[in-house]
Amino acid sequence: MTTATQGISLTERAARQAKNMLTKRGTPDGAIRIGTSTAGCSGFSYKLEYADQVEEGDQVYESFGVRVVLDGKSALILDGTLVDFESTPFKSGFKFSNPKEKERCGCGESFKV
């Protein structure tokens, strides 16, 4: 496990949402895991889940009091990413601003680096 201060960060709004999710789950001092998976028509998709444990090779970041865990492979793709949370009357969710993202598919579900 590597603890780092840069690489991926949350906006204050995203951190607040993550803290709310962790608290509702009963793990207010827990962490979230952000990563990528091979999917969609463009190659990769973002994924966000609870991090119940930190694995060998994971990198751990902290942003506004929320611990964010990345696996080594995803860390290469997500370095420099800012995660925000948006809420509108029609949808709400986490939004990824990844400087390595070169193209996004038409439906917005996957991306290329």
PDB file of N, CA and C in Angstrom:
ATOM      1  N   MET A   1       0.848  -1.186   0.000  1.00  0.00           N
ATOM      2  CA  MET A   1       0.000   0.000   0.000  1.00  0.00           C
ATOM      3  C   MET A   1       0.881   1.233   0.000  1.00  0.00           C
ATOM      4  N   THR A   2       0.529   2.200  -0.818  1.00  0.00           N
ATOM      5  CA  THR A   2       1.228   3.472  -0.887  1.00  0.00           C
ATOM      6  C   THR A   2       0.263   4.565  -0.491  1.00  0.00           C
ATOM      7  N   THR A   3       0.650   5.419   0.453  1.00  0.00           N
ATOM      8  CA  THR A   3      -0.177   6.564   0.791  1.00  0.00           C
ATOM      9  C   THR A   3       0.399   7.759   0.058  1.00  0.00           C
ATOM     10  N   ALA A   4      -0.434   8.444  -0.707  1.00  0.00           N
ATOM     11  CA  ALA A   4       0.039   9.552  -1.528  1.00  0.00           C
ATOM     12  C   ALA A   4      -0.843  10.768  -1.309  1.00  0.00           C
ATOM     13  N   THR A   5      -0.377  11.922  -1.741  1.00  0.00           N
ATOM     14  CA  THR A   5      -1.137  13.153  -1.562  1.00  0.00           C
ATOM     15  C   THR A   5      -1.680  13.693  -2.875  1.00  0.00           C
ATOM     16  N   GLN A   6      -1.296  13.111  -3.993  1.00  0.00           N
ATOM     17  CA  GLN A   6      -1.828  13.546  -5.273  1.00  0.00           C
ATOM     18  C   GLN A   6      -2.052  12.340  -6.158  1.00  0.00           C
ATOM     19  N   GLY A   7      -2.725  12.524  -7.243  1.00  0.00           N
ATOM     20  CA  GLY A   7      -3.023  11.411  -8.136  1.00  0.00           C
ATOM     21  C   GLY A   7      -4.487  11.411  -8.499  1.00  0.00           C
ATOM     22  N   ILE A   8      -5.338  11.377  -7.506  1.00  0.00           N
ATOM     23  CA  ILE A   8      -6.781  11.501  -7.711  1.00  0.00           C
ATOM     24  C   ILE A   8      -7.328  12.312  -6.552  1.00  0.00           C
ATOM     25  N   SER A   9      -8.286  13.150  -6.829  1.00  0.00           N
ATOM     26  CA  SER A   9      -8.857  13.963  -5.758  1.00  0.00           C
ATOM     27  C   SER A   9     -10.359  14.107  -5.950  1.00  0.00           C
ATOM     28  N   LEU A  10     -11.013  14.413  -4.855  1.00  0.00           N
ATOM     29  CA  LEU A  10     -12.458  14.639  -4.838  1.00  0.00           C
ATOM     30  C   LEU A  10     -12.715  16.117  -4.634  1.00  0.00           C
ATOM     31  N   THR A  11     -13.783  16.611  -5.211  1.00  0.00           N
ATOM     32  CA  THR A  11     -14.232  17.953  -4.854  1.00  0.00           C
ATOM     33  C   THR A  11     -14.871  17.849  -3.473  1.00  0.00           C
ATOM     34  N   GLU A  12     -15.083  18.965  -2.835  1.00  0.00           N
ATOM     35  CA  GLU A  12     -15.730  18.956  -1.527  1.00  0.00           C
ATOM     36  C   GLU A  12     -17.120  18.321  -1.613  1.00  0.00           C
ATOM     37  N   ARG A  13     -17.831  18.593  -2.685  1.00  0.00           N
ATOM     38  CA  ARG A  13     -19.180  18.036  -2.886  1.00  0.00           C
ATOM     39  C   ARG A  13     -19.119  16.510  -3.030  1.00  0.00           C
ATOM     40  N   ALA A  14     -18.147  15.998  -3.782  1.00  0.00           N
ATOM     41  CA  ALA A  14     -17.992  14.553  -3.948  1.00  0.00           C
ATOM     42  C   ALA A  14     -17.597  13.902  -2.625  1.00  0.00           C
ATOM     43  N   ALA A  15     -16.715  14.538  -1.881  1.00  0.00           N
ATOM     44  CA  ALA A  15     -16.304  13.998  -0.585  1.00  0.00           C
ATOM     45  C   ALA A  15     -17.490  13.950   0.379  1.00  0.00           C
ATOM     46  N   ARG A  16     -18.303  14.971   0.374  1.00  0.00           N
ATOM     47  CA  ARG A  16     -19.493  14.998   1.234  1.00  0.00           C
ATOM     48  C   ARG A  16     -20.430  13.843   0.872  1.00  0.00           C
ATOM     49  N   GLN A  17     -20.639  13.601  -0.410  1.00  0.00           N
ATOM     50  CA  GLN A  17     -21.497  12.502  -0.852  1.00  0.00           C
ATOM     51  C   GLN A  17     -20.892  11.154  -0.453  1.00  0.00           C
ATOM     52  N   ALA A  18     -19.587  10.996  -0.639  1.00  0.00           N
ATOM     53  CA  ALA A  18     -18.915   9.749  -0.262  1.00  0.00           C
ATOM     54  C   ALA A  18     -19.029   9.505   1.239  1.00  0.00           C
ATOM     55  N   LYS A  19     -18.853  10.558   2.045  1.00  0.00           N
ATOM     56  CA  LYS A  19     -18.989  10.423   3.503  1.00  0.00           C
ATOM     57  C   LYS A  19     -20.409  10.005   3.871  1.00  0.00           C
ATOM     58  N   ASN A  20     -21.399  10.600   3.208  1.00  0.00           N
ATOM     59  CA  ASN A  20     -22.798  10.227   3.465  1.00  0.00           C
ATOM     60  C   ASN A  20     -23.034   8.756   3.130  1.00  0.00           C
ATOM     61  N   MET A  21     -22.489   8.297   2.008  1.00  0.00           N
ATOM     62  CA  MET A  21     -22.652   6.899   1.601  1.00  0.00           C
ATOM     63  C   MET A  21     -21.986   5.958   2.612  1.00  0.00           C
ATOM     64  N   LEU A  22     -20.780   6.307   3.042  1.00  0.00           N
ATOM     65  CA  LEU A  22     -20.068   5.482   4.010  1.00  0.00           C
ATOM     66  C   LEU A  22     -20.797   5.450   5.351  1.00  0.00           C
ATOM     67  N   THR A  23     -21.332   6.585   5.771  1.00  0.00           N
ATOM     68  CA  THR A  23     -22.069   6.648   7.035  1.00  0.00           C
ATOM     69  C   THR A  23     -23.336   5.815   6.968  1.00  0.00           C
ATOM     70  N   LYS A  24     -24.102   5.941   5.887  1.00  0.00           N
ATOM     71  CA  LYS A  24     -25.322   5.136   5.722  1.00  0.00           C
ATOM     72  C   LYS A  24     -25.009   3.650   5.710  1.00  0.00           C
ATOM     73  N   ARG A  25     -23.857   3.296   5.208  1.00  0.00           N
ATOM     74  CA  ARG A  25     -23.428   1.895   5.145  1.00  0.00           C
ATOM     75  C   ARG A  25     -22.992   1.390   6.521  1.00  0.00           C
ATOM     76  N   GLY A  26     -22.711   2.310   7.440  1.00  0.00           N
ATOM     77  CA  GLY A  26     -22.243   1.925   8.768  1.00  0.00           C
ATOM     78  C   GLY A  26     -20.734   1.873   8.882  1.00  0.00           C
ATOM     79  N   THR A  27     -20.033   2.443   7.896  1.00  0.00           N
ATOM     80  CA  THR A  27     -18.568   2.476   7.911  1.00  0.00           C
ATOM     81  C   THR A  27     -18.072   3.912   7.703  1.00  0.00           C
ATOM     82  N   PRO A  28     -18.414   4.830   8.648  1.00  0.00           N
ATOM     83  CA  PRO A  28     -18.068   6.242   8.437  1.00  0.00           C
ATOM     84  C   PRO A  28     -16.580   6.513   8.319  1.00  0.00           C
ATOM     85  N   ASP A  29     -15.735   5.629   8.851  1.00  0.00           N
ATOM     86  CA  ASP A  29     -14.287   5.806   8.739  1.00  0.00           C
ATOM     87  C   ASP A  29     -13.703   4.943   7.625  1.00  0.00           C
ATOM     88  N   GLY A  30     -14.567   4.413   6.783  1.00  0.00           N
ATOM     89  CA  GLY A  30     -14.137   3.536   5.691  1.00  0.00           C
ATOM     90  C   GLY A  30     -13.558   4.316   4.532  1.00  0.00           C
ATOM     91  N   ALA A  31     -13.436   3.638   3.412  1.00  0.00           N
ATOM     92  CA  ALA A  31     -12.842   4.240   2.224  1.00  0.00           C
ATOM     93  C   ALA A  31     -13.657   3.835   1.003  1.00  0.00           C
ATOM     94  N   ILE A  32     -13.456   4.583  -0.069  1.00  0.00           N
ATOM     95  CA  ILE A  32     -14.068   4.217  -1.341  1.00  0.00           C
ATOM     96  C   ILE A  32     -12.962   3.771  -2.288  1.00  0.00           C
ATOM     97  N   ARG A  33     -13.306   2.884  -3.190  1.00  0.00           N
ATOM     98  CA  ARG A  33     -12.369   2.408  -4.197  1.00  0.00           C
ATOM     99  C   ARG A  33     -12.850   2.930  -5.544  1.00  0.00           C
ATOM    100  N   ILE A  34     -11.970   3.649  -6.226  1.00  0.00           N
ATOM    101  CA  ILE A  34     -12.266   4.144  -7.564  1.00  0.00           C
ATOM    102  C   ILE A  34     -11.320   3.423  -8.512  1.00  0.00           C
ATOM    103  N   GLY A  35     -11.861   2.945  -9.607  1.00  0.00           N
ATOM    104  CA  GLY A  35     -11.032   2.221 -10.547  1.00  0.00           C
ATOM    105  C   GLY A  35     -11.597   2.261 -11.942  1.00  0.00           C
ATOM    106  N   THR A  36     -11.010   1.468 -12.789  1.00  0.00           N
ATOM    107  CA  THR A  36     -11.471   1.342 -14.164  1.00  0.00           C
ATOM    108  C   THR A  36     -11.650  -0.136 -14.477  1.00  0.00           C
ATOM    109  N   SER A  37     -12.480  -0.392 -15.446  1.00  0.00           N
ATOM    110  CA  SER A  37     -12.628  -1.752 -15.953  1.00  0.00           C
ATOM    111  C   SER A  37     -12.718  -1.680 -17.463  1.00  0.00           C
ATOM    112  N   THR A  38     -12.407  -2.782 -18.112  1.00  0.00           N
ATOM    113  CA  THR A  38     -12.513  -2.852 -19.559  1.00  0.00           C
ATOM    114  C   THR A  38     -13.985  -3.030 -19.887  1.00  0.00           C
ATOM    115  N   ALA A  39     -14.542  -2.078 -20.628  1.00  0.00           N
ATOM    116  CA  ALA A  39     -15.974  -2.133 -20.925  1.00  0.00           C
ATOM    117  C   ALA A  39     -16.328  -1.125 -22.006  1.00  0.00           C
ATOM    118  N   GLY A  40     -17.513  -1.287 -22.540  1.00  0.00           N
ATOM    119  CA  GLY A  40     -18.065  -0.328 -23.481  1.00  0.00           C
ATOM    120  C   GLY A  40     -17.373  -0.325 -24.829  1.00  0.00           C
ATOM    121  N   CYS A  41     -17.816   0.588 -25.662  1.00  0.00           N
ATOM    122  CA  CYS A  41     -17.298   0.649 -27.021  1.00  0.00           C
ATOM    123  C   CYS A  41     -15.985   1.415 -27.122  1.00  0.00           C
ATOM    124  N   SER A  42     -15.612   2.159 -26.069  1.00  0.00           N
ATOM    125  CA  SER A  42     -14.376   2.943 -26.134  1.00  0.00           C
ATOM    126  C   SER A  42     -13.215   2.325 -25.374  1.00  0.00           C
ATOM    127  N   GLY A  43     -13.467   1.322 -24.566  1.00  0.00           N
ATOM    128  CA  GLY A  43     -12.342   0.652 -23.917  1.00  0.00           C
ATOM    129  C   GLY A  43     -12.408   0.543 -22.413  1.00  0.00           C
ATOM    130  N   PHE A  44     -12.627   1.655 -21.700  1.00  0.00           N
ATOM    131  CA  PHE A  44     -12.632   1.650 -20.243  1.00  0.00           C
ATOM    132  C   PHE A  44     -13.905   2.302 -19.710  1.00  0.00           C
ATOM    133  N   SER A  45     -14.271   1.898 -18.504  1.00  0.00           N
ATOM    134  CA  SER A  45     -15.340   2.599 -17.802  1.00  0.00           C
ATOM    135  C   SER A  45     -14.888   2.822 -16.364  1.00  0.00           C
ATOM    136  N   TYR A  46     -15.434   3.832 -15.738  1.00  0.00           N
ATOM    137  CA  TYR A  46     -15.116   4.143 -14.352  1.00  0.00           C
ATOM    138  C   TYR A  46     -15.964   3.266 -13.444  1.00  0.00           C
ATOM    139  N   LYS A  47     -15.406   2.921 -12.300  1.00  0.00           N
ATOM    140  CA  LYS A  47     -16.191   2.200 -11.309  1.00  0.00           C
ATOM    141  C   LYS A  47     -15.869   2.767  -9.932  1.00  0.00           C
ATOM    142  N   LEU A  48     -16.862   2.741  -9.082  1.00  0.00           N
ATOM    143  CA  LEU A  48     -16.725   3.243  -7.724  1.00  0.00           C
ATOM    144  C   LEU A  48     -17.418   2.247  -6.815  1.00  0.00           C
ATOM    145  N   GLU A  49     -16.745   1.839  -5.755  1.00  0.00           N
ATOM    146  CA  GLU A  49     -17.309   0.884  -4.810  1.00  0.00           C
ATOM    147  C   GLU A  49     -16.701   1.137  -3.433  1.00  0.00           C
ATOM    148  N   TYR A  50     -17.187   0.421  -2.440  1.00  0.00           N
ATOM    149  CA  TYR A  50     -16.623   0.532  -1.104  1.00  0.00           C
ATOM    150  C   TYR A  50     -15.312  -0.246  -1.051  1.00  0.00           C
ATOM    151  N   ALA A  51     -14.357   0.282  -0.311  1.00  0.00           N
ATOM    152  CA  ALA A  51     -13.060  -0.387  -0.153  1.00  0.00           C
ATOM    153  C   ALA A  51     -13.021  -0.997   1.246  1.00  0.00           C
ATOM    154  N   ASP A  52     -13.364  -2.266   1.336  1.00  0.00           N
ATOM    155  CA  ASP A  52     -13.379  -2.935   2.628  1.00  0.00           C
ATOM    156  C   ASP A  52     -11.978  -3.302   3.097  1.00  0.00           C
ATOM    157  N   GLN A  53     -11.056  -3.410   2.166  1.00  0.00           N
ATOM    158  CA  GLN A  53      -9.668  -3.676   2.532  1.00  0.00           C
ATOM    159  C   GLN A  53      -8.739  -3.084   1.484  1.00  0.00           C
ATOM    160  N   VAL A  54      -7.524  -2.826   1.912  1.00  0.00           N
ATOM    161  CA  VAL A  54      -6.504  -2.314   1.011  1.00  0.00           C
ATOM    162  C   VAL A  54      -5.612  -3.490   0.641  1.00  0.00           C
ATOM    163  N   GLU A  55      -5.449  -3.698  -0.652  1.00  0.00           N
ATOM    164  CA  GLU A  55      -4.674  -4.831  -1.164  1.00  0.00           C
ATOM    165  C   GLU A  55      -3.240  -4.407  -1.461  1.00  0.00           C
ATOM    166  N   GLU A  56      -2.365  -5.383  -1.576  1.00  0.00           N
ATOM    167  CA  GLU A  56      -0.978  -5.135  -1.963  1.00  0.00           C
ATOM    168  C   GLU A  56      -0.976  -4.429  -3.328  1.00  0.00           C
ATOM    169  N   GLY A  57      -0.220  -3.374  -3.461  1.00  0.00           N
ATOM    170  CA  GLY A  57      -0.139  -2.633  -4.710  1.00  0.00           C
ATOM    171  C   GLY A  57      -1.140  -1.492  -4.825  1.00  0.00           C
ATOM    172  N   ASP A  58      -2.095  -1.414  -3.901  1.00  0.00           N
ATOM    173  CA  ASP A  58      -3.060  -0.317  -3.919  1.00  0.00           C
ATOM    174  C   ASP A  58      -2.379   0.986  -3.533  1.00  0.00           C
ATOM    175  N   GLN A  59      -2.924   2.082  -4.024  1.00  0.00           N
ATOM    176  CA  GLN A  59      -2.490   3.415  -3.621  1.00  0.00           C
ATOM    177  C   GLN A  59      -3.649   4.051  -2.873  1.00  0.00           C
ATOM    178  N   VAL A  60      -3.340   4.752  -1.794  1.00  0.00           N
ATOM    179  CA  VAL A  60      -4.369   5.378  -0.966  1.00  0.00           C
ATOM    180  C   VAL A  60      -4.148   6.882  -0.960  1.00  0.00           C
ATOM    181  N   TYR A  61      -5.204   7.599  -1.282  1.00  0.00           N
ATOM    182  CA  TYR A  61      -5.185   9.056  -1.299  1.00  0.00           C
ATOM    183  C   TYR A  61      -6.212   9.551  -0.298  1.00  0.00           C
ATOM    184  N   GLU A  62      -6.087  10.786   0.127  1.00  0.00           N
ATOM    185  CA  GLU A  62      -7.094  11.378   0.996  1.00  0.00           C
ATOM    186  C   GLU A  62      -7.496  12.723   0.432  1.00  0.00           C
ATOM    187  N   SER A  63      -8.800  12.954   0.405  1.00  0.00           N
ATOM    188  CA  SER A  63      -9.325  14.195  -0.136  1.00  0.00           C
ATOM    189  C   SER A  63     -10.521  14.627   0.704  1.00  0.00           C
ATOM    190  N   PHE A  64     -10.430  15.789   1.320  1.00  0.00           N
ATOM    191  CA  PHE A  64     -11.482  16.314   2.191  1.00  0.00           C
ATOM    192  C   PHE A  64     -11.916  15.282   3.235  1.00  0.00           C
ATOM    193  N   GLY A  65     -10.938  14.571   3.797  1.00  0.00           N
ATOM    194  CA  GLY A  65     -11.224  13.618   4.859  1.00  0.00           C
ATOM    195  C   GLY A  65     -11.731  12.264   4.409  1.00  0.00           C
ATOM    196  N   VAL A  66     -11.776  12.009   3.105  1.00  0.00           N
ATOM    197  CA  VAL A  66     -12.233  10.714   2.583  1.00  0.00           C
ATOM    198  C   VAL A  66     -11.032   9.981   2.002  1.00  0.00           C
ATOM    199  N   ARG A  67     -10.855   8.734   2.418  1.00  0.00           N
ATOM    200  CA  ARG A  67      -9.793   7.918   1.855  1.00  0.00           C
ATOM    201  C   ARG A  67     -10.279   7.310   0.537  1.00  0.00           C
ATOM    202  N   VAL A  68      -9.436   7.416  -0.487  1.00  0.00           N
ATOM    203  CA  VAL A  68      -9.736   6.886  -1.813  1.00  0.00           C
ATOM    204  C   VAL A  68      -8.659   5.866  -2.152  1.00  0.00           C
ATOM    205  N   VAL A  69      -9.086   4.660  -2.490  1.00  0.00           N
ATOM    206  CA  VAL A  69      -8.168   3.570  -2.807  1.00  0.00           C
ATOM    207  C   VAL A  69      -8.205   3.300  -4.313  1.00  0.00           C
ATOM    208  N   LEU A  70      -7.008   3.162  -4.903  1.00  0.00           N
ATOM    209  CA  LEU A  70      -6.869   2.820  -6.322  1.00  0.00           C
ATOM    210  C   LEU A  70      -5.963   1.607  -6.446  1.00  0.00           C
ATOM    211  N   ASP A  71      -6.308   0.687  -7.335  1.00  0.00           N
ATOM    212  CA  ASP A  71      -5.378  -0.392  -7.641  1.00  0.00           C
ATOM    213  C   ASP A  71      -4.304   0.174  -8.561  1.00  0.00           C
ATOM    214  N   GLY A  72      -3.156  -0.490  -8.628  1.00  0.00           N
ATOM    215  CA  GLY A  72      -2.024   0.012  -9.402  1.00  0.00           C
ATOM    216  C   GLY A  72      -2.326   0.250 -10.864  1.00  0.00           C
ATOM    217  N   LYS A  73      -3.076  -0.652 -11.493  1.00  0.00           N
ATOM    218  CA  LYS A  73      -3.407  -0.513 -12.916  1.00  0.00           C
ATOM    219  C   LYS A  73      -4.299   0.713 -13.153  1.00  0.00           C
ATOM    220  N   SER A  74      -5.310   0.868 -12.335  1.00  0.00           N
ATOM    221  CA  SER A  74      -6.208   2.020 -12.485  1.00  0.00           C
ATOM    222  C   SER A  74      -5.499   3.325 -12.167  1.00  0.00           C
ATOM    223  N   ALA A  75      -4.538   3.287 -11.250  1.00  0.00           N
ATOM    224  CA  ALA A  75      -3.818   4.505 -10.879  1.00  0.00           C
ATOM    225  C   ALA A  75      -3.122   5.122 -12.079  1.00  0.00           C
ATOM    226  N   LEU A  76      -2.604   4.283 -12.974  1.00  0.00           N
ATOM    227  CA  LEU A  76      -1.942   4.799 -14.179  1.00  0.00           C
ATOM    228  C   LEU A  76      -2.921   5.551 -15.073  1.00  0.00           C
ATOM    229  N   ILE A  77      -4.134   5.048 -15.169  1.00  0.00           N
ATOM    230  CA  ILE A  77      -5.154   5.642 -16.028  1.00  0.00           C
ATOM    231  C   ILE A  77      -5.797   6.862 -15.371  1.00  0.00           C
ATOM    232  N   LEU A  78      -5.906   6.844 -14.034  1.00  0.00           N
ATOM    233  CA  LEU A  78      -6.648   7.882 -13.316  1.00  0.00           C
ATOM    234  C   LEU A  78      -5.788   8.983 -12.718  1.00  0.00           C
ATOM    235  N   ASP A  79      -4.472   8.920 -12.900  1.00  0.00           N
ATOM    236  CA  ASP A  79      -3.595   9.939 -12.331  1.00  0.00           C
ATOM    237  C   ASP A  79      -4.022  11.331 -12.796  1.00  0.00           C
ATOM    238  N   GLY A  80      -4.249  12.227 -11.853  1.00  0.00           N
ATOM    239  CA  GLY A  80      -4.657  13.593 -12.163  1.00  0.00           C
ATOM    240  C   GLY A  80      -6.154  13.791 -12.255  1.00  0.00           C
ATOM    241  N   THR A  81      -6.942  12.747 -12.004  1.00  0.00           N
ATOM    242  CA  THR A  81      -8.399  12.828 -12.136  1.00  0.00           C
ATOM    243  C   THR A  81      -9.027  13.571 -10.954  1.00  0.00           C
ATOM    244  N   LEU A  82     -10.004  14.388 -11.261  1.00  0.00           N
ATOM    245  CA  LEU A  82     -10.813  15.068 -10.257  1.00  0.00           C
ATOM    246  C   LEU A  82     -12.214  14.476 -10.324  1.00  0.00           C
ATOM    247  N   VAL A  83     -12.737  14.058  -9.179  1.00  0.00           N
ATOM    248  CA  VAL A  83     -14.062  13.461  -9.105  1.00  0.00           C
ATOM    249  C   VAL A  83     -14.997  14.451  -8.426  1.00  0.00           C
ATOM    250  N   ASP A  84     -16.096  14.762  -9.090  1.00  0.00           N
ATOM    251  CA  ASP A  84     -17.110  15.667  -8.564  1.00  0.00           C
ATOM    252  C   ASP A  84     -18.410  14.891  -8.401  1.00  0.00           C
ATOM    253  N   PHE A  85     -19.376  15.487  -7.732  1.00  0.00           N
ATOM    254  CA  PHE A  85     -20.705  14.888  -7.613  1.00  0.00           C
ATOM    255  C   PHE A  85     -21.712  15.915  -8.099  1.00  0.00           C
ATOM    256  N   GLU A  86     -22.557  15.488  -9.032  1.00  0.00           N
ATOM    257  CA  GLU A  86     -23.586  16.370  -9.576  1.00  0.00           C
ATOM    258  C   GLU A  86     -24.954  15.814  -9.256  1.00  0.00           C
ATOM    259  N   SER A  87     -25.873  16.709  -8.950  1.00  0.00           N
ATOM    260  CA  SER A  87     -27.245  16.296  -8.679  1.00  0.00           C
ATOM    261  C   SER A  87     -28.190  17.254  -9.397  1.00  0.00           C
ATOM    262  N   THR A  88     -29.013  16.703 -10.278  1.00  0.00           N
ATOM    263  CA  THR A  88     -30.006  17.482 -10.999  1.00  0.00           C
ATOM    264  C   THR A  88     -31.362  16.823 -10.785  1.00  0.00           C
ATOM    265  N   PRO A  89     -32.443  17.462 -11.185  1.00  0.00           N
ATOM    266  CA  PRO A  89     -33.749  16.819 -11.046  1.00  0.00           C
ATOM    267  C   PRO A  89     -33.866  15.512 -11.836  1.00  0.00           C
ATOM    268  N   PHE A  90     -33.031  15.325 -12.856  1.00  0.00           N
ATOM    269  CA  PHE A  90     -33.144  14.144 -13.709  1.00  0.00           C
ATOM    270  C   PHE A  90     -32.142  13.043 -13.392  1.00  0.00           C
ATOM    271  N   LYS A  91     -30.979  13.406 -12.841  1.00  0.00           N
ATOM    272  CA  LYS A  91     -30.000  12.383 -12.488  1.00  0.00           C
ATOM    273  C   LYS A  91     -28.989  12.936 -11.504  1.00  0.00           C
ATOM    274  N   SER A  92     -28.365  12.036 -10.807  1.00  0.00           N
ATOM    275  CA  SER A  92     -27.281  12.437  -9.924  1.00  0.00           C
ATOM    276  C   SER A  92     -26.216  11.350  -9.961  1.00  0.00           C
ATOM    277  N   GLY A  93     -24.979  11.760  -9.736  1.00  0.00           N
ATOM    278  CA  GLY A  93     -23.896  10.791  -9.728  1.00  0.00           C
ATOM    279  C   GLY A  93     -22.545  11.456  -9.744  1.00  0.00           C
ATOM    280  N   PHE A  94     -21.534  10.620  -9.638  1.00  0.00           N
ATOM    281  CA  PHE A  94     -20.163  11.091  -9.651  1.00  0.00           C
ATOM    282  C   PHE A  94     -19.730  11.356 -11.088  1.00  0.00           C
ATOM    283  N   LYS A  95     -18.973  12.441 -11.271  1.00  0.00           N
ATOM    284  CA  LYS A  95     -18.489  12.846 -12.584  1.00  0.00           C
ATOM    285  C   LYS A  95     -16.960  12.875 -12.530  1.00  0.00           C
ATOM    286  N   PHE A  96     -16.332  12.248 -13.510  1.00  0.00           N
ATOM    287  CA  PHE A  96     -14.879  12.127 -13.560  1.00  0.00           C
ATOM    288  C   PHE A  96     -14.304  13.081 -14.592  1.00  0.00           C
ATOM    289  N   SER A  97     -13.360  13.917 -14.167  1.00  0.00           N
ATOM    290  CA  SER A  97     -12.618  14.791 -15.080  1.00  0.00           C
ATOM    291  C   SER A  97     -11.193  14.260 -15.116  1.00  0.00           C
ATOM    292  N   ASN A  98     -10.925  13.470 -16.150  1.00  0.00           N
ATOM    293  CA  ASN A  98      -9.655  12.768 -16.268  1.00  0.00           C
ATOM    294  C   ASN A  98      -8.824  13.399 -17.386  1.00  0.00           C
ATOM    295  N   PRO A  99      -7.676  13.989 -17.055  1.00  0.00           N
ATOM    296  CA  PRO A  99      -6.863  14.630 -18.101  1.00  0.00           C
ATOM    297  C   PRO A  99      -6.303  13.637 -19.121  1.00  0.00           C
ATOM    298  N   LYS A 100      -6.286  12.355 -18.795  1.00  0.00           N
ATOM    299  CA  LYS A 100      -5.779  11.345 -19.724  1.00  0.00           C
ATOM    300  C   LYS A 100      -6.859  10.839 -20.670  1.00  0.00           C
ATOM    301  N   GLU A 101      -8.096  11.204 -20.420  1.00  0.00           N
ATOM    302  CA  GLU A 101      -9.204  10.761 -21.270  1.00  0.00           C
ATOM    303  C   GLU A 101      -9.122  11.480 -22.605  1.00  0.00           C
ATOM    304  N   LYS A 102      -9.016  10.695 -23.682  1.00  0.00           N
ATOM    305  CA  LYS A 102      -8.871  11.269 -25.024  1.00  0.00           C
ATOM    306  C   LYS A 102     -10.183  11.299 -25.796  1.00  0.00           C
ATOM    307  N   GLU A 103     -11.058  10.363 -25.495  1.00  0.00           N
ATOM    308  CA  GLU A 103     -12.306  10.246 -26.247  1.00  0.00           C
ATOM    309  C   GLU A 103     -13.321   9.515 -25.387  1.00  0.00           C
ATOM    310  N   ARG A 104     -14.583   9.877 -25.565  1.00  0.00           N
ATOM    311  CA  ARG A 104     -15.678   9.225 -24.842  1.00  0.00           C
ATOM    312  C   ARG A 104     -16.675   8.709 -25.869  1.00  0.00           C
ATOM    313  N   CYS A 105     -17.262   7.559 -25.591  1.00  0.00           N
ATOM    314  CA  CYS A 105     -18.241   7.019 -26.545  1.00  0.00           C
ATOM    315  C   CYS A 105     -19.498   7.900 -26.557  1.00  0.00           C
ATOM    316  N   GLY A 106     -20.326   7.726 -27.547  1.00  0.00           N
ATOM    317  CA  GLY A 106     -21.519   8.544 -27.718  1.00  0.00           C
ATOM    318  C   GLY A 106     -22.472   8.511 -26.540  1.00  0.00           C
ATOM    319  N   CYS A 107     -22.590   7.361 -25.883  1.00  0.00           N
ATOM    320  CA  CYS A 107     -23.514   7.258 -24.753  1.00  0.00           C
ATOM    321  C   CYS A 107     -22.878   7.737 -23.454  1.00  0.00           C
ATOM    322  N   GLY A 108     -21.569   7.976 -23.462  1.00  0.00           N
ATOM    323  CA  GLY A 108     -20.880   8.495 -22.284  1.00  0.00           C
ATOM    324  C   GLY A 108     -20.514   7.449 -21.242  1.00  0.00           C
ATOM    325  N   GLU A 109     -20.684   6.177 -21.564  1.00  0.00           N
ATOM    326  CA  GLU A 109     -20.420   5.119 -20.594  1.00  0.00           C
ATOM    327  C   GLU A 109     -18.978   4.636 -20.584  1.00  0.00           C
ATOM    328  N   SER A 110     -18.229   4.894 -21.630  1.00  0.00           N
ATOM    329  CA  SER A 110     -16.851   4.423 -21.669  1.00  0.00           C
ATOM    330  C   SER A 110     -15.951   5.482 -22.302  1.00  0.00           C
ATOM    331  N   PHE A 111     -14.626   5.283 -22.127  1.00  0.00           N
ATOM    332  CA  PHE A 111     -13.673   6.270 -22.611  1.00  0.00           C
ATOM    333  C   PHE A 111     -12.391   5.603 -23.067  1.00  0.00           C
ATOM    334  N   LYS A 112     -11.580   6.349 -23.813  1.00  0.00           N
ATOM    335  CA  LYS A 112     -10.250   5.919 -24.261  1.00  0.00           C
ATOM    336  C   LYS A 112      -9.202   6.831 -23.641  1.00  0.00           C
ATOM    337  N   VAL A 113      -8.020   6.269 -23.429  1.00  0.00           N
ATOM    338  CA  VAL A 113      -6.892   7.088 -22.950  1.00  0.00           C
ATOM    339  C   VAL A 113      -5.805   7.089 -24.007  1.00  0.00           C
TER     340      VAL A 113
END
